[in-house]
Amino acid sequence: MQVTDSMREYWSKNLRITAVLLVIWFVVTYVTSFFARELNEIVILGFPLGFYIGAQGALVVYVLIIVFYAWYMNRLDRKYGVQEEE
C-alpha cells in the first residue's frame, strides 16, 4: 500500500490532537493531585478546590475530552474521506 501525503497529513493531525488531549489528561490527573494541598487552600462553594477537582472536576474533563475527540475525529475523517459508512 502506497502512503500518500494525504495519509501522512491525516495521521499527523491525529497524533497531534491525541498528544494535546493526553497532556490535558495528565495535568488534570497527576498535576492537580500533586498540588492538592495547595489547591485545598482555595474554597469554592464550601469545598476545597483539590477535593472538588478530584471528586467532580476531573470526571467532567474526562468526558469533555472524549466528546471533543469523537467530534474532531469525525470531522477529520470526513475531510480526508475515510469516514465510516452510515
PDB file of N, CA and C in Angstrom:
ATOM      1  N   MET A   1       0.844  -1.170   0.000  1.00  0.00           N
ATOM      2  CA  MET A   1       0.000   0.000   0.000  1.00  0.00           C
ATOM      3  C   MET A   1       0.892   1.236   0.000  1.00  0.00           C
ATOM      4  N   GLN A   2       0.633   2.121  -0.907  1.00  0.00           N
ATOM      5  CA  GLN A   2       1.399   3.352  -1.037  1.00  0.00           C
ATOM      6  C   GLN A   2       0.882   4.405  -0.060  1.00  0.00           C
ATOM      7  N   VAL A   3       1.770   4.980   0.726  1.00  0.00           N
ATOM      8  CA  VAL A   3       1.406   6.024   1.682  1.00  0.00           C
ATOM      9  C   VAL A   3       1.448   7.369   0.964  1.00  0.00           C
ATOM     10  N   THR A   4       0.316   8.059   0.960  1.00  0.00           N
ATOM     11  CA  THR A   4       0.230   9.336   0.266  1.00  0.00           C
ATOM     12  C   THR A   4       0.449  10.494   1.239  1.00  0.00           C
ATOM     13  N   ASP A   5       0.636  11.676   0.673  1.00  0.00           N
ATOM     14  CA  ASP A   5       0.785  12.871   1.510  1.00  0.00           C
ATOM     15  C   ASP A   5      -0.475  13.129   2.317  1.00  0.00           C
ATOM     16  N   SER A   6      -1.624  12.818   1.734  1.00  0.00           N
ATOM     17  CA  SER A   6      -2.896  12.993   2.428  1.00  0.00           C
ATOM     18  C   SER A   6      -2.970  12.096   3.666  1.00  0.00           C
ATOM     19  N   MET A   7      -2.499  10.858   3.534  1.00  0.00           N
ATOM     20  CA  MET A   7      -2.496   9.933   4.669  1.00  0.00           C
ATOM     21  C   MET A   7      -1.535  10.406   5.755  1.00  0.00           C
ATOM     22  N   ARG A   8      -0.382  10.902   5.350  1.00  0.00           N
ATOM     23  CA  ARG A   8       0.586  11.414   6.322  1.00  0.00           C
ATOM     24  C   ARG A   8       0.022  12.614   7.073  1.00  0.00           C
ATOM     25  N   GLU A   9      -0.645  13.505   6.343  1.00  0.00           N
ATOM     26  CA  GLU A   9      -1.244  14.681   6.971  1.00  0.00           C
ATOM     27  C   GLU A   9      -2.357  14.282   7.937  1.00  0.00           C
ATOM     28  N   TYR A  10      -3.171  13.307   7.548  1.00  0.00           N
ATOM     29  CA  TYR A  10      -4.244  12.807   8.414  1.00  0.00           C
ATOM     30  C   TYR A  10      -3.673  12.261   9.720  1.00  0.00           C
ATOM     31  N   TRP A  11      -2.653  11.402   9.622  1.00  0.00           N
ATOM     32  CA  TRP A  11      -2.079  10.801  10.822  1.00  0.00           C
ATOM     33  C   TRP A  11      -1.307  11.817  11.657  1.00  0.00           C
ATOM     34  N   SER A  12      -0.711  12.799  11.004  1.00  0.00           N
ATOM     35  CA  SER A  12      -0.032  13.849  11.742  1.00  0.00           C
ATOM     36  C   SER A  12      -1.028  14.633  12.594  1.00  0.00           C
ATOM     37  N   LYS A  13      -2.164  14.985  12.019  1.00  0.00           N
ATOM     38  CA  LYS A  13      -3.193  15.699  12.779  1.00  0.00           C
ATOM     39  C   LYS A  13      -3.776  14.818  13.875  1.00  0.00           C
ATOM     40  N   ASN A  14      -3.954  13.536  13.580  1.00  0.00           N
ATOM     41  CA  ASN A  14      -4.482  12.599  14.563  1.00  0.00           C
ATOM     42  C   ASN A  14      -3.527  12.484  15.759  1.00  0.00           C
ATOM     43  N   LEU A  15      -2.246  12.329  15.491  1.00  0.00           N
ATOM     44  CA  LEU A  15      -1.265  12.213  16.572  1.00  0.00           C
ATOM     45  C   LEU A  15      -1.137  13.513  17.356  1.00  0.00           C
ATOM     46  N   ARG A  16      -1.233  14.642  16.676  1.00  0.00           N
ATOM     47  CA  ARG A  16      -1.126  15.936  17.358  1.00  0.00           C
ATOM     48  C   ARG A  16      -2.276  16.136  18.340  1.00  0.00           C
ATOM     49  N   ILE A  17      -3.524  15.869  17.910  1.00  0.00           N
ATOM     50  CA  ILE A  17      -4.666  16.063  18.810  1.00  0.00           C
ATOM     51  C   ILE A  17      -4.624  15.044  19.945  1.00  0.00           C
ATOM     52  N   THR A  18      -4.156  13.838  19.665  1.00  0.00           N
ATOM     53  CA  THR A  18      -4.034  12.830  20.711  1.00  0.00           C
ATOM     54  C   THR A  18      -3.010  13.268  21.760  1.00  0.00           C
ATOM     55  N   ALA A  19      -1.889  13.823  21.321  1.00  0.00           N
ATOM     56  CA  ALA A  19      -0.864  14.288  22.254  1.00  0.00           C
ATOM     57  C   ALA A  19      -1.385  15.441  23.115  1.00  0.00           C
ATOM     58  N   VAL A  20      -2.086  16.376  22.504  1.00  0.00           N
ATOM     59  CA  VAL A  20      -2.631  17.515  23.259  1.00  0.00           C
ATOM     60  C   VAL A  20      -3.623  17.031  24.305  1.00  0.00           C
ATOM     61  N   LEU A  21      -4.512  16.128  23.922  1.00  0.00           N
ATOM     62  CA  LEU A  21      -5.508  15.624  24.868  1.00  0.00           C
ATOM     63  C   LEU A  21      -4.867  14.792  25.972  1.00  0.00           C
ATOM     64  N   LEU A  22      -3.806  14.067  25.662  1.00  0.00           N
ATOM     65  CA  LEU A  22      -3.100  13.313  26.698  1.00  0.00           C
ATOM     66  C   LEU A  22      -2.393  14.243  27.685  1.00  0.00           C
ATOM     67  N   VAL A  23      -1.886  15.358  27.220  1.00  0.00           N
ATOM     68  CA  VAL A  23      -1.273  16.334  28.119  1.00  0.00           C
ATOM     69  C   VAL A  23      -2.338  16.909  29.059  1.00  0.00           C
ATOM     70  N   ILE A  24      -3.516  17.235  28.514  1.00  0.00           N
ATOM     71  CA  ILE A  24      -4.608  17.729  29.347  1.00  0.00           C
ATOM     72  C   ILE A  24      -4.996  16.678  30.374  1.00  0.00           C
ATOM     73  N   TRP A  25      -5.116  15.422  29.951  1.00  0.00           N
ATOM     74  CA  TRP A  25      -5.450  14.330  30.866  1.00  0.00           C
ATOM     75  C   TRP A  25      -4.393  14.214  31.975  1.00  0.00           C
ATOM     76  N   PHE A  26      -3.118  14.283  31.594  1.00  0.00           N
ATOM     77  CA  PHE A  26      -2.039  14.177  32.575  1.00  0.00           C
ATOM     78  C   PHE A  26      -2.106  15.304  33.601  1.00  0.00           C
ATOM     79  N   VAL A  27      -2.317  16.517  33.130  1.00  0.00           N
ATOM     80  CA  VAL A  27      -2.382  17.664  34.040  1.00  0.00           C
ATOM     81  C   VAL A  27      -3.539  17.506  35.018  1.00  0.00           C
ATOM     82  N   VAL A  28      -4.706  17.140  34.508  1.00  0.00           N
ATOM     83  CA  VAL A  28      -5.892  17.008  35.372  1.00  0.00           C
ATOM     84  C   VAL A  28      -5.719  15.856  36.354  1.00  0.00           C
ATOM     85  N   THR A  29      -5.103  14.777  35.920  1.00  0.00           N
ATOM     86  CA  THR A  29      -4.988  13.594  36.768  1.00  0.00           C
ATOM     87  C   THR A  29      -3.838  13.692  37.765  1.00  0.00           C
ATOM     88  N   TYR A  30      -2.656  14.002  37.294  1.00  0.00           N
ATOM     89  CA  TYR A  30      -1.477  13.917  38.152  1.00  0.00           C
ATOM     90  C   TYR A  30      -1.011  15.252  38.730  1.00  0.00           C
ATOM     91  N   VAL A  31      -1.011  16.280  37.938  1.00  0.00           N
ATOM     92  CA  VAL A  31      -0.505  17.565  38.429  1.00  0.00           C
ATOM     93  C   VAL A  31      -1.424  18.124  39.506  1.00  0.00           C
ATOM     94  N   THR A  32      -2.741  18.050  39.285  1.00  0.00           N
ATOM     95  CA  THR A  32      -3.654  18.555  40.316  1.00  0.00           C
ATOM     96  C   THR A  32      -3.564  17.716  41.586  1.00  0.00           C
ATOM     97  N   SER A  33      -3.326  16.415  41.462  1.00  0.00           N
ATOM     98  CA  SER A  33      -3.152  15.577  42.649  1.00  0.00           C
ATOM     99  C   SER A  33      -1.861  15.932  43.385  1.00  0.00           C
ATOM    100  N   PHE A  34      -0.821  16.237  42.636  1.00  0.00           N
ATOM    101  CA  PHE A  34       0.459  16.601  43.242  1.00  0.00           C
ATOM    102  C   PHE A  34       0.341  17.904  44.041  1.00  0.00           C
ATOM    103  N   PHE A  35      -0.446  18.847  43.533  1.00  0.00           N
ATOM    104  CA  PHE A  35      -0.611  20.133  44.204  1.00  0.00           C
ATOM    105  C   PHE A  35      -1.921  20.211  44.996  1.00  0.00           C
ATOM    106  N   ALA A  36      -2.434  19.078  45.440  1.00  0.00           N
ATOM    107  CA  ALA A  36      -3.726  19.059  46.140  1.00  0.00           C
ATOM    108  C   ALA A  36      -3.694  19.888  47.422  1.00  0.00           C
ATOM    109  N   ARG A  37      -2.642  19.840  48.180  1.00  0.00           N
ATOM    110  CA  ARG A  37      -2.577  20.614  49.433  1.00  0.00           C
ATOM    111  C   ARG A  37      -2.680  22.108  49.161  1.00  0.00           C
ATOM    112  N   GLU A  38      -1.959  22.567  48.151  1.00  0.00           N
ATOM    113  CA  GLU A  38      -2.018  23.984  47.806  1.00  0.00           C
ATOM    114  C   GLU A  38      -3.398  24.360  47.255  1.00  0.00           C
ATOM    115  N   LEU A  39      -3.975  23.471  46.456  1.00  0.00           N
ATOM    116  CA  LEU A  39      -5.302  23.741  45.880  1.00  0.00           C
ATOM    117  C   LEU A  39      -6.390  23.729  46.945  1.00  0.00           C
ATOM    118  N   ASN A  40      -6.198  22.962  48.003  1.00  0.00           N
ATOM    119  CA  ASN A  40      -7.207  22.900  49.066  1.00  0.00           C
ATOM    120  C   ASN A  40      -7.332  24.205  49.845  1.00  0.00           C
ATOM    121  N   GLU A  41      -6.364  25.088  49.700  1.00  0.00           N
ATOM    122  CA  GLU A  41      -6.461  26.392  50.355  1.00  0.00           C
ATOM    123  C   GLU A  41      -7.502  27.284  49.680  1.00  0.00           C
ATOM    124  N   ILE A  42      -7.853  26.970  48.445  1.00  0.00           N
ATOM    125  CA  ILE A  42      -8.885  27.708  47.715  1.00  0.00           C
ATOM    126  C   ILE A  42     -10.210  26.993  47.942  1.00  0.00           C
ATOM    127  N   VAL A  43     -11.212  27.716  48.429  1.00  0.00           N
ATOM    128  CA  VAL A  43     -12.508  27.116  48.744  1.00  0.00           C
ATOM    129  C   VAL A  43     -13.555  27.638  47.753  1.00  0.00           C
ATOM    130  N   ILE A  44     -14.280  26.699  47.136  1.00  0.00           N
ATOM    131  CA  ILE A  44     -15.363  27.043  46.208  1.00  0.00           C
ATOM    132  C   ILE A  44     -16.629  26.359  46.687  1.00  0.00           C
ATOM    133  N   LEU A  45     -17.653  27.142  46.944  1.00  0.00           N
ATOM    134  CA  LEU A  45     -18.951  26.626  47.415  1.00  0.00           C
ATOM    135  C   LEU A  45     -18.802  25.753  48.659  1.00  0.00           C
ATOM    136  N   GLY A  46     -17.866  26.088  49.514  1.00  0.00           N
ATOM    137  CA  GLY A  46     -17.679  25.365  50.758  1.00  0.00           C
ATOM    138  C   GLY A  46     -16.794  24.136  50.654  1.00  0.00           C
ATOM    139  N   PHE A  47     -16.304  23.818  49.459  1.00  0.00           N
ATOM    140  CA  PHE A  47     -15.438  22.653  49.277  1.00  0.00           C
ATOM    141  C   PHE A  47     -14.048  23.108  48.857  1.00  0.00           C
ATOM    142  N   PRO A  48     -13.012  22.454  49.363  1.00  0.00           N
ATOM    143  CA  PRO A  48     -11.661  22.782  48.906  1.00  0.00           C
ATOM    144  C   PRO A  48     -11.499  22.431  47.424  1.00  0.00           C
ATOM    145  N   LEU A  49     -10.769  23.254  46.692  1.00  0.00           N
ATOM    146  CA  LEU A  49     -10.624  23.066  45.249  1.00  0.00           C
ATOM    147  C   LEU A  49      -9.992  21.720  44.910  1.00  0.00           C
ATOM    148  N   GLY A  50      -9.017  21.273  45.666  1.00  0.00           N
ATOM    149  CA  GLY A  50      -8.392  19.969  45.402  1.00  0.00           C
ATOM    150  C   GLY A  50      -9.395  18.837  45.495  1.00  0.00           C
ATOM    151  N   PHE A  51     -10.266  18.885  46.502  1.00  0.00           N
ATOM    152  CA  PHE A  51     -11.311  17.875  46.642  1.00  0.00           C
ATOM    153  C   PHE A  51     -12.289  17.956  45.477  1.00  0.00           C
ATOM    154  N   TYR A  52     -12.689  19.166  45.114  1.00  0.00           N
ATOM    155  CA  TYR A  52     -13.660  19.338  44.033  1.00  0.00           C
ATOM    156  C   TYR A  52     -13.111  18.810  42.708  1.00  0.00           C
ATOM    157  N   ILE A  53     -11.845  19.117  42.410  1.00  0.00           N
ATOM    158  CA  ILE A  53     -11.246  18.626  41.167  1.00  0.00           C
ATOM    159  C   ILE A  53     -11.179  17.106  41.178  1.00  0.00           C
ATOM    160  N   GLY A  54     -10.789  16.528  42.314  1.00  0.00           N
ATOM    161  CA  GLY A  54     -10.694  15.067  42.397  1.00  0.00           C
ATOM    162  C   GLY A  54     -12.033  14.375  42.332  1.00  0.00           C
ATOM    163  N   ALA A  55     -13.051  14.956  42.955  1.00  0.00           N
ATOM    164  CA  ALA A  55     -14.353  14.296  43.034  1.00  0.00           C
ATOM    165  C   ALA A  55     -15.234  14.562  41.819  1.00  0.00           C
ATOM    166  N   GLN A  56     -15.196  15.768  41.277  1.00  0.00           N
ATOM    167  CA  GLN A  56     -16.115  16.124  40.195  1.00  0.00           C
ATOM    168  C   GLN A  56     -15.403  16.650  38.956  1.00  0.00           C
ATOM    169  N   GLY A  57     -14.483  17.571  39.157  1.00  0.00           N
ATOM    170  CA  GLY A  57     -13.869  18.274  38.044  1.00  0.00           C
ATOM    171  C   GLY A  57     -13.139  17.371  37.066  1.00  0.00           C
ATOM    172  N   ALA A  58     -12.390  16.424  37.577  1.00  0.00           N
ATOM    173  CA  ALA A  58     -11.633  15.538  36.700  1.00  0.00           C
ATOM    174  C   ALA A  58     -12.569  14.702  35.834  1.00  0.00           C
ATOM    175  N   LEU A  59     -13.649  14.222  36.414  1.00  0.00           N
ATOM    176  CA  LEU A  59     -14.596  13.414  35.635  1.00  0.00           C
ATOM    177  C   LEU A  59     -15.226  14.218  34.513  1.00  0.00           C
ATOM    178  N   VAL A  60     -15.544  15.462  34.796  1.00  0.00           N
ATOM    179  CA  VAL A  60     -16.117  16.334  33.767  1.00  0.00           C
ATOM    180  C   VAL A  60     -15.104  16.552  32.647  1.00  0.00           C
ATOM    181  N   VAL A  61     -13.858  16.784  33.002  1.00  0.00           N
ATOM    182  CA  VAL A  61     -12.818  16.986  31.989  1.00  0.00           C
ATOM    183  C   VAL A  61     -12.637  15.729  31.155  1.00  0.00           C
ATOM    184  N   TYR A  62     -12.671  14.550  31.761  1.00  0.00           N
ATOM    185  CA  TYR A  62     -12.525  13.303  31.009  1.00  0.00           C
ATOM    186  C   TYR A  62     -13.645  13.146  29.980  1.00  0.00           C
ATOM    187  N   VAL A  63     -14.863  13.428  30.386  1.00  0.00           N
ATOM    188  CA  VAL A  63     -15.997  13.325  29.459  1.00  0.00           C
ATOM    189  C   VAL A  63     -15.850  14.340  28.327  1.00  0.00           C
ATOM    190  N   LEU A  64     -15.427  15.546  28.656  1.00  0.00           N
ATOM    191  CA  LEU A  64     -15.226  16.570  27.628  1.00  0.00           C
ATOM    192  C   LEU A  64     -14.121  16.172  26.645  1.00  0.00           C
ATOM    193  N   ILE A  65     -13.074  15.534  27.137  1.00  0.00           N
ATOM    194  CA  ILE A  65     -12.002  15.051  26.257  1.00  0.00           C
ATOM    195  C   ILE A  65     -12.554  14.017  25.282  1.00  0.00           C
ATOM    196  N   ILE A  66     -13.357  13.088  25.775  1.00  0.00           N
ATOM    197  CA  ILE A  66     -13.933  12.049  24.919  1.00  0.00           C
ATOM    198  C   ILE A  66     -14.854  12.649  23.868  1.00  0.00           C
ATOM    199  N   VAL A  67     -15.730  13.558  24.291  1.00  0.00           N
ATOM    200  CA  VAL A  67     -16.675  14.191  23.359  1.00  0.00           C
ATOM    201  C   VAL A  67     -15.918  14.985  22.299  1.00  0.00           C
ATOM    202  N   PHE A  68     -14.932  15.769  22.718  1.00  0.00           N
ATOM    203  CA  PHE A  68     -14.167  16.571  21.760  1.00  0.00           C
ATOM    204  C   PHE A  68     -13.418  15.676  20.777  1.00  0.00           C
ATOM    205  N   TYR A  69     -12.788  14.613  21.258  1.00  0.00           N
ATOM    206  CA  TYR A  69     -12.029  13.721  20.375  1.00  0.00           C
ATOM    207  C   TYR A  69     -12.942  13.071  19.343  1.00  0.00           C
ATOM    208  N   ALA A  70     -14.113  12.606  19.767  1.00  0.00           N
ATOM    209  CA  ALA A  70     -15.050  11.986  18.832  1.00  0.00           C
ATOM    210  C   ALA A  70     -15.509  12.994  17.779  1.00  0.00           C
ATOM    211  N   TRP A  71     -15.849  14.213  18.217  1.00  0.00           N
ATOM    212  CA  TRP A  71     -16.288  15.248  17.275  1.00  0.00           C
ATOM    213  C   TRP A  71     -15.169  15.602  16.302  1.00  0.00           C
ATOM    214  N   TYR A  72     -13.967  15.812  16.824  1.00  0.00           N
ATOM    215  CA  TYR A  72     -12.837  16.218  15.989  1.00  0.00           C
ATOM    216  C   TYR A  72     -12.480  15.128  14.977  1.00  0.00           C
ATOM    217  N   MET A  73     -12.439  13.883  15.417  1.00  0.00           N
ATOM    218  CA  MET A  73     -12.063  12.801  14.511  1.00  0.00           C
ATOM    219  C   MET A  73     -13.126  12.562  13.440  1.00  0.00           C
ATOM    220  N   ASN A  74     -14.406  12.703  13.777  1.00  0.00           N
ATOM    221  CA  ASN A  74     -15.445  12.594  12.755  1.00  0.00           C
ATOM    222  C   ASN A  74     -15.270  13.678  11.699  1.00  0.00           C
ATOM    223  N   ARG A  75     -14.970  14.891  12.147  1.00  0.00           N
ATOM    224  CA  ARG A  75     -14.730  15.998  11.223  1.00  0.00           C
ATOM    225  C   ARG A  75     -13.500  15.726  10.354  1.00  0.00           C
ATOM    226  N   LEU A  76     -12.428  15.239  10.967  1.00  0.00           N
ATOM    227  CA  LEU A  76     -11.205  14.932  10.240  1.00  0.00           C
ATOM    228  C   LEU A  76     -11.424  13.784   9.251  1.00  0.00           C
ATOM    229  N   ASP A  77     -12.175  12.765   9.664  1.00  0.00           N
ATOM    230  CA  ASP A  77     -12.479  11.639   8.776  1.00  0.00           C
ATOM    231  C   ASP A  77     -13.240  12.105   7.542  1.00  0.00           C
ATOM    232  N   ARG A  78     -14.226  12.976   7.744  1.00  0.00           N
ATOM    233  CA  ARG A  78     -14.988  13.487   6.590  1.00  0.00           C
ATOM    234  C   ARG A  78     -14.095  14.314   5.672  1.00  0.00           C
ATOM    235  N   LYS A  79     -13.203  15.111   6.241  1.00  0.00           N
ATOM    236  CA  LYS A  79     -12.317  15.956   5.442  1.00  0.00           C
ATOM    237  C   LYS A  79     -11.410  15.120   4.546  1.00  0.00           C
ATOM    238  N   TYR A  80     -10.913  14.002   5.062  1.00  0.00           N
ATOM    239  CA  TYR A  80      -9.984  13.164   4.308  1.00  0.00           C
ATOM    240  C   TYR A  80     -10.660  11.968   3.636  1.00  0.00           C
ATOM    241  N   GLY A  81     -11.969  11.886   3.740  1.00  0.00           N
ATOM    242  CA  GLY A  81     -12.715  10.841   3.033  1.00  0.00           C
ATOM    243  C   GLY A  81     -12.524   9.447   3.585  1.00  0.00           C
ATOM    244  N   VAL A  82     -12.320   9.313   4.892  1.00  0.00           N
ATOM    245  CA  VAL A  82     -12.154   7.990   5.486  1.00  0.00           C
ATOM    246  C   VAL A  82     -13.249   7.701   6.520  1.00  0.00           C
ATOM    247  N   GLN A  83     -14.362   8.414   6.419  1.00  0.00           N
ATOM    248  CA  GLN A  83     -15.448   8.210   7.373  1.00  0.00           C
ATOM    249  C   GLN A  83     -16.089   6.845   7.184  1.00  0.00           C
ATOM    250  N   GLU A  84     -16.749   6.391   8.259  1.00  0.00           N
ATOM    251  CA  GLU A  84     -17.430   5.111   8.225  1.00  0.00           C
ATOM    252  C   GLU A  84     -18.723   5.226   7.431  1.00  0.00           C
ATOM    253  N   GLU A  85     -19.146   4.116   6.866  1.00  0.00           N
ATOM    254  CA  GLU A  85     -20.408   4.084   6.127  1.00  0.00           C
ATOM    255  C   GLU A  85     -21.557   4.222   7.106  1.00  0.00           C
ATOM    256  N   GLU A  86     -22.599   4.937   6.711  1.00  0.00           N
ATOM    257  CA  GLU A  86     -23.761   5.111   7.582  1.00  0.00           C
ATOM    258  C   GLU A  86     -24.811   4.064   7.284  1.00  0.00           C
TER     259      GLU A  86
END
